[in-house]
Amino acid sequence: MWVGYNPLFKDPFYVADLIADYVDFVGFGVVTVDFGCKDILRRFRNLVEEHRDTTFALGIGAGELRGYSGLKAVLDCLKSLRKEVDLLFCGCSGPKITSEASKIVDGILFNYAHPEHLSWIIGFLKREVYKVAYAPSLILPSEFEFDLLIACAMVSCSNRNFVKTFKYDGMCREISKLDFLRVIADRKSLNVIPDEIKRYKDVLIDKFAIAGDFESLVGRLKEVLKICDHVVLGDPFFRDPNSVEQFEKILVSLK
């Protein structure tokens, strides 16, 4: 089980503590450096001590930090954690952080779902590491489709090199103007999403999600697993009863 961080959700360390006795593996994908590297290590150590029969992996990401300051903060944190954490990961969406982090960590959590995007970013690795694809996921149709689209929009334009390479400039000019806290609040209270997101629905689902009907989702998983070692089905998959009910069937289909 991977535990993601979102300022709108519960603290990831709290969630990990709740589930650790029920699973063999808990990964943090990712904890942002906004937490403070020393505090991350302290809380991670406490979890490992309290749940000795569970294997833990720690993923670190830049969060709201961008540019050189974000890159430096993440790399400094990874270097300080390297000797303390057995399974260390970095959340990456751009070439520079992928290249530099791959020299330090055991694995990379890529914020991409499409094979073309994954093949591109993997090309920047400096050495062989665990390759993990992490993306918004859902079996459609679902009452959580708006949440899926919001999640896709939030990750779609996170790196300028990526946007330029794949020519998402027009879409990202519109999406980058959105206040996502307001978007999420409107979704919860009014069950609406902005036209800027609706307009790019097909692109967002095809390029930035692992989603669709059962056969489409399994098909995409098989494609991604030819490139990556592991796939994390991100929110809102495990909030959707139908997706959860079919999870075992998905695993059987992948064998």
Protein backbone atom coordinates (compact mmCIF):
# COMPACT_ATOMS: atom_id res chain seq x y z
CA MET A 1 0.00 0.00 0.00
CA TRP A 2 1.32 3.44 -0.97
CA VAL A 3 0.26 6.47 1.07
CA GLY A 4 0.15 9.75 -0.83
CA TYR A 5 0.40 13.27 0.52
CA ASN A 6 -2.22 15.92 -0.15
CA PRO A 7 -2.81 18.98 2.06
CA LEU A 8 -6.55 18.27 1.81
CA PHE A 9 -6.16 14.70 3.11
CA LYS A 10 -5.09 13.30 6.47
CA ASP A 11 -1.44 13.34 7.51
CA PRO A 12 0.36 10.51 5.64
CA PHE A 13 2.25 9.35 8.74
CA TYR A 14 -1.04 9.05 10.61
CA VAL A 15 -2.53 6.99 7.77
CA ALA A 16 0.57 4.78 7.56
CA ASP A 17 0.40 4.09 11.29
CA LEU A 18 -3.25 3.01 10.94
CA ILE A 19 -2.64 0.51 8.15
CA ALA A 20 0.88 -0.76 8.89
CA ASP A 21 -0.22 -3.81 10.89
CA TYR A 22 -2.52 -5.00 8.10
CA VAL A 23 -0.09 -4.96 5.15
CA ASP A 24 3.44 -6.19 4.45
CA PHE A 25 4.61 -3.01 2.73
CA VAL A 26 3.89 0.71 3.14
CA GLY A 27 5.38 3.26 0.77
CA PHE A 28 5.19 7.03 1.08
CA GLY A 29 4.64 8.46 -2.37
CA VAL A 30 5.52 11.21 -1.77
CA VAL A 31 6.19 13.24 1.36
CA THR A 32 7.13 16.78 0.37
CA VAL A 33 10.16 18.59 1.72
CA ASP A 34 7.72 21.16 3.15
CA PHE A 35 7.50 18.80 6.14
CA GLY A 36 11.17 19.44 6.92
CA CYS A 37 13.72 16.71 6.32
CA LYS A 38 14.61 16.22 10.00
CA ASP A 39 10.97 15.90 10.96
CA ILE A 40 10.34 13.45 8.12
CA LEU A 41 13.20 11.26 9.34
CA ARG A 42 12.06 11.41 12.97
CA ARG A 43 8.52 10.38 12.13
CA PHE A 44 9.67 7.72 9.69
CA ARG A 45 11.98 6.19 12.30
CA ASN A 46 9.13 6.08 14.80
CA LEU A 47 6.96 4.16 12.33
CA VAL A 48 9.69 1.64 11.57
CA GLU A 49 10.28 1.09 15.29
CA GLU A 50 6.59 0.60 16.06
CA HIS A 51 5.88 -1.74 13.12
CA ARG A 52 8.93 -3.99 12.80
CA ASP A 53 7.16 -6.63 10.70
CA THR A 54 6.28 -4.14 7.95
CA THR A 55 8.62 -2.98 5.20
CA PHE A 56 8.59 0.78 4.62
CA ALA A 57 9.72 2.87 1.66
CA LEU A 58 10.06 6.64 1.80
CA GLY A 59 9.43 8.85 -1.22
CA ILE A 60 10.45 12.52 -1.20
CA GLY A 61 9.12 15.25 -3.50
CA ALA A 62 9.39 19.00 -4.02
CA GLY A 63 5.78 19.88 -3.19
CA GLU A 64 5.09 23.53 -3.92
CA LEU A 65 8.78 24.37 -4.44
CA ARG A 66 9.81 24.97 -8.03
CA GLY A 67 12.98 25.59 -10.01
CA TYR A 68 16.45 25.46 -8.50
CA SER A 69 15.24 25.93 -4.92
CA GLY A 70 12.96 22.90 -5.22
CA LEU A 71 15.65 20.79 -6.87
CA LYS A 72 18.24 21.68 -4.23
CA ALA A 73 15.86 21.10 -1.32
CA VAL A 74 14.92 17.64 -2.57
CA LEU A 75 18.48 16.55 -3.37
CA ASP A 76 19.81 17.82 -0.02
CA CYS A 77 17.05 15.93 1.77
CA LEU A 78 17.68 12.73 -0.18
CA LYS A 79 21.40 12.87 0.60
CA SER A 80 20.74 13.34 4.31
CA LEU A 81 18.27 10.43 4.35
CA ARG A 82 20.32 8.02 2.24
CA LYS A 83 22.16 6.30 5.11
CA GLU A 84 19.06 6.25 7.31
CA VAL A 85 16.43 4.79 4.96
CA ASP A 86 16.67 1.32 3.40
CA LEU A 87 14.24 1.98 0.53
CA LEU A 88 14.47 5.59 -0.63
CA PHE A 89 12.46 6.99 -3.55
CA CYS A 90 12.05 10.37 -5.22
CA GLY A 91 8.94 11.74 -6.90
CA CYS A 92 9.95 13.12 -10.31
CA SER A 93 8.32 14.77 -13.31
CA GLY A 94 11.25 16.61 -14.93
CA PRO A 95 14.56 15.63 -16.56
CA LYS A 96 16.94 17.36 -14.12
CA ILE A 97 15.48 15.98 -10.89
CA THR A 98 15.18 12.52 -12.48
CA SER A 99 18.81 12.58 -13.57
CA GLU A 100 20.22 13.82 -10.25
CA ALA A 101 17.95 11.84 -7.94
CA SER A 102 18.64 8.57 -9.76
CA LYS A 103 22.26 8.81 -8.59
CA ILE A 104 21.08 8.68 -4.96
CA VAL A 105 17.83 6.76 -4.56
CA ASP A 106 16.64 3.17 -4.91
CA GLY A 107 13.70 4.11 -7.09
CA ILE A 108 11.80 6.88 -8.84
CA LEU A 109 8.06 7.58 -8.60
CA PHE A 110 7.12 9.00 -11.98
CA ASN A 111 4.07 11.24 -12.11
CA TYR A 112 3.11 9.89 -15.52
CA ALA A 113 0.66 7.28 -16.82
CA HIS A 114 1.15 7.18 -20.59
CA PRO A 115 3.81 4.87 -22.08
CA GLU A 116 5.13 7.65 -24.33
CA HIS A 117 5.59 10.01 -21.38
CA LEU A 118 7.20 7.29 -19.27
CA SER A 119 9.64 6.27 -22.00
CA TRP A 120 10.69 9.91 -22.32
CA ILE A 121 11.34 10.53 -18.61
CA ILE A 122 13.06 7.16 -18.07
CA GLY A 123 15.61 8.22 -20.66
CA PHE A 124 17.06 10.69 -18.14
CA LEU A 125 17.98 8.07 -15.52
CA LYS A 126 21.69 7.91 -14.77
CA ARG A 127 21.59 4.36 -13.44
CA GLU A 128 19.15 1.48 -13.11
CA VAL A 129 16.64 2.00 -10.28
CA TYR A 130 13.13 0.80 -9.46
CA LYS A 131 10.75 2.52 -11.87
CA VAL A 132 7.29 3.25 -10.48
CA ALA A 133 4.41 4.88 -12.38
CA TYR A 134 2.02 6.80 -10.14
CA ALA A 135 -1.16 8.26 -11.63
CA PRO A 136 -4.80 9.14 -10.93
CA SER A 137 -6.79 5.96 -11.54
CA LEU A 138 -10.43 4.90 -11.79
CA ILE A 139 -12.78 2.41 -13.43
CA LEU A 140 -15.32 4.37 -15.46
CA PRO A 141 -18.14 5.27 -15.42
CA SER A 142 -17.96 6.53 -11.85
CA GLU A 143 -19.37 9.21 -9.59
CA PHE A 144 -15.74 10.19 -8.98
CA GLU A 145 -14.97 11.13 -12.59
CA PHE A 146 -14.76 14.84 -11.74
CA ASP A 147 -12.20 14.03 -9.02
CA LEU A 148 -10.19 12.04 -11.56
CA LEU A 149 -10.19 14.95 -14.00
CA ILE A 150 -9.12 17.42 -11.31
CA ALA A 151 -6.27 15.12 -10.24
CA CYS A 152 -5.14 14.76 -13.86
CA ALA A 153 -5.26 18.51 -14.41
CA MET A 154 -3.15 19.09 -11.29
CA VAL A 155 -0.32 16.82 -12.48
CA SER A 156 -0.51 17.51 -16.22
CA CYS A 157 1.48 20.74 -16.35
CA SER A 158 3.98 20.29 -13.52
CA ASN A 159 7.14 20.48 -15.66
CA ARG A 160 7.93 23.00 -18.38
CA ASN A 161 10.28 20.70 -20.32
CA PHE A 162 7.61 18.03 -20.42
CA VAL A 163 4.91 20.48 -21.55
CA LYS A 164 7.12 21.84 -24.32
CA THR A 165 8.29 18.41 -25.50
CA PHE A 166 4.77 17.02 -25.85
CA LYS A 167 3.20 20.30 -27.03
CA TYR A 168 0.70 20.72 -24.20
CA ASP A 169 1.34 24.48 -24.15
CA GLY A 170 -2.19 25.52 -25.09
CA MET A 171 -3.87 23.27 -22.57
CA CYS A 172 -1.46 24.24 -19.82
CA ARG A 173 -1.90 27.95 -20.42
CA GLU A 174 -5.56 27.49 -19.51
CA ILE A 175 -5.15 24.98 -16.70
CA SER A 176 -2.31 26.85 -14.98
CA LYS A 177 -4.64 29.81 -14.35
CA LEU A 178 -6.95 27.72 -12.16
CA ASP A 179 -7.05 28.00 -8.37
CA PHE A 180 -7.18 24.31 -7.51
CA LEU A 181 -8.24 24.84 -3.92
CA ARG A 182 -11.29 26.66 -5.28
CA VAL A 183 -11.78 23.98 -7.96
CA ILE A 184 -11.83 21.25 -5.31
CA ALA A 185 -14.13 23.26 -3.04
CA ASP A 186 -16.59 23.83 -5.91
CA ARG A 187 -16.50 20.14 -6.78
CA LYS A 188 -17.38 19.21 -3.19
CA SER A 189 -20.09 21.80 -2.62
CA LEU A 190 -21.61 22.24 -6.10
CA ASN A 191 -20.48 19.12 -7.99
CA VAL A 192 -19.05 21.20 -10.84
CA ILE A 193 -15.65 21.55 -12.48
CA PRO A 194 -14.33 24.40 -14.66
CA ASP A 195 -14.80 24.47 -18.43
CA GLU A 196 -10.99 24.58 -18.74
CA ILE A 197 -10.88 21.03 -17.38
CA LYS A 198 -13.99 19.77 -19.19
CA ARG A 199 -12.59 21.00 -22.50
CA TYR A 200 -9.57 18.70 -22.18
CA LYS A 201 -11.37 15.72 -20.65
CA ASP A 202 -10.33 13.21 -23.31
CA VAL A 203 -6.68 14.28 -23.28
CA LEU A 204 -6.49 14.29 -19.48
CA ILE A 205 -7.93 10.79 -19.14
CA ASP A 206 -5.96 9.26 -22.01
CA LYS A 207 -2.60 10.89 -21.30
CA PHE A 208 -2.54 11.46 -17.54
CA ALA A 209 -4.69 8.74 -15.97
CA ILE A 210 -4.91 5.00 -15.71
CA ALA A 211 -8.64 4.92 -16.26
CA GLY A 212 -11.49 3.74 -18.44
CA ASP A 213 -13.73 0.71 -18.49
CA PHE A 214 -12.31 -2.49 -16.99
CA GLU A 215 -10.67 -3.70 -20.21
CA SER A 216 -9.16 -0.29 -21.00
CA LEU A 217 -7.70 0.08 -17.51
CA VAL A 218 -6.17 -3.40 -17.57
CA GLY A 219 -4.82 -2.75 -21.06
CA ARG A 220 -3.09 0.45 -19.94
CA LEU A 221 -1.65 -1.30 -16.88
CA LYS A 222 -0.14 -3.99 -19.10
CA GLU A 223 1.42 -1.32 -21.32
CA VAL A 224 2.90 0.56 -18.36
CA LEU A 225 4.24 -2.62 -16.73
CA LYS A 226 6.30 -3.30 -19.85
CA ILE A 227 8.18 -0.09 -19.04
CA CYS A 228 8.00 0.18 -15.25
CA ASP A 229 8.54 -2.28 -12.42
CA HIS A 230 5.53 -1.17 -10.43
CA VAL A 231 2.33 0.86 -10.79
CA VAL A 232 0.55 2.82 -8.06
CA LEU A 233 -3.17 3.33 -8.62
CA GLY A 234 -3.69 6.85 -7.32
CA ASP A 235 -6.72 8.69 -5.99
CA PRO A 236 -9.67 8.45 -6.55
CA PHE A 237 -9.42 4.69 -7.27
CA PHE A 238 -9.70 3.51 -3.67
CA ARG A 239 -12.57 5.88 -2.87
CA ASP A 240 -14.71 4.31 -5.56
CA PRO A 241 -16.61 1.17 -4.39
CA ASN A 242 -16.82 -0.31 -7.90
CA SER A 243 -13.08 0.10 -8.53
CA VAL A 244 -12.24 -1.46 -5.17
CA GLU A 245 -14.62 -4.37 -5.78
CA GLN A 246 -12.87 -5.13 -9.07
CA PHE A 247 -9.33 -4.74 -7.74
CA GLU A 248 -8.77 -8.49 -7.25
CA LYS A 249 -10.09 -9.14 -10.75
CA ILE A 250 -7.60 -6.58 -12.09
CA LEU A 251 -4.72 -8.40 -10.40
CA VAL A 252 -5.86 -11.75 -11.82
CA SER A 253 -6.05 -10.22 -15.32
CA LEU A 254 -2.44 -9.04 -15.04
CA LYS A 255 -1.03 -12.50 -14.28
